[in-house]
Amino acid sequence: MIDLKTLTSQIKRNCNISDANYWGFYSLCGLLLRLRELYSVEKGMRLWEKIQQKDIGEWISDRENLWKELEDKNFGDITVNGNVYSPFEVEKINAEVEKEDLLYGAGFGLHMKPIFFLADLISKEKIDGYDVYIAGGEYARDLSDFPAMLQERVIFARVDTTKMLLWEKFNELRCRRLKSALEYAFSKYGITPEEEPSEDIERRISLIARSEVETYIYHELGEAFEGQKIGDEWKDFLTDFPRSKAELFARAIKDILADTSENGMLRYVLKNLKEGSLGFYIVFLGGFRKILFPEILNAFQKFTETGDWDLIDDARKAGYRKAEERKAEEYAERLLSIYKSHKSEKEFIAKYVENELLDGLY
């Protein structure tokens, strides 16, 4: 029998060590939003319950002090049933915790930030040769809020994290005055801007999250498929340029290739005619991805007027192959080419990305 409290404590400590070393890479707004999410999780609050400013203010102060204590600490091992594992021995840890319908996840996200979580295991299945785990209620997590992640041949999809992302968008929806992709997306699930936060709305958004994680799984499958074509040097590039514009740009290229792949997210949306998922794809499309893939924005606008899915498929294909300029593939090839020929000259590569590749995007 696993001691859930002790296991959670071990994982939470590693979450705090990760946050202690990477909190500074979030914008102030992004950090405060993630801290509110984390506070809600750790206090066991329902999403519709109002957070008292005094309470969260004290909690944030305590958390900052904890980070100062932990920023120089190493990640701790995870002990399960008397067996000791490195925190990144995910398969071995899950072999233990799955017996009690728990799921452990660990990996690396944006800026190579270590990610850890412990959650209830909703389901496990194999899709296209990949083990796909769907996580439910979370007992421990860090500041990272990815709805899904790929680690080797395993995909983790997180319903609770997705629900929190959607809840923030619901709050944003209530403040909007003009029609938008956000209103379109929620309307396909029967939620309007006039509705107030409530237990029922949280229940309905939980159902949306369960549907949307299915879509995010196909982003990860697309990334896995395209990653095989690009090769391991792409991972090496990301590792060598953490916390840089070069990393953000490289990730954006890979994301677009993943989303527009024949095995990817948009293809899944098209096959299943998931209008809500299409709307949320537009809502969450930002940064370099939005700049690299303008075709989908134009297509979505026309789609909302006509309902013609061929417009979306044409945009998907254009985003993948870039028929006129082949930008996505060219950028990927140019990045890898310059990386191979100047691998030891990191400063040169970083300047090349900013001066030669990014300049032409704005």
Foldseek 3Di string as FASTA:
>chain_A
DWPVVVQLVLLQLLLLLLCLQPVVLDDPVLSVLLLVVVVCLQVVHQPQDDDDPVVSVVVVVVSNVVSVVRPPPDRAWGATPNDTHRLQPQVVVCVRCVVVQKHWDWFADALRRIWIWIAGWDDWDADPRAIETEGERTSHTHSDQDQWDDDPRYIYGYLSSLLSVLSVLLVVQLVDDDDALSQQLVVVLPDHSVDHRDPVVSVSSSVVSVVLSVLVVQLNVLLVVVDVVLDPVLVVQLVVDGSAPSNVLSVLLSSLSSCLPCSHRLVVCLVVVNRSNLSVVVVPQDDVNCLLQVQSVVLVVVCVVPVDCVSNNVSSVCSNQVVPPSVSVVVSVVLSVVCVVPVVPVVVSRVCCVPPPVVVRD
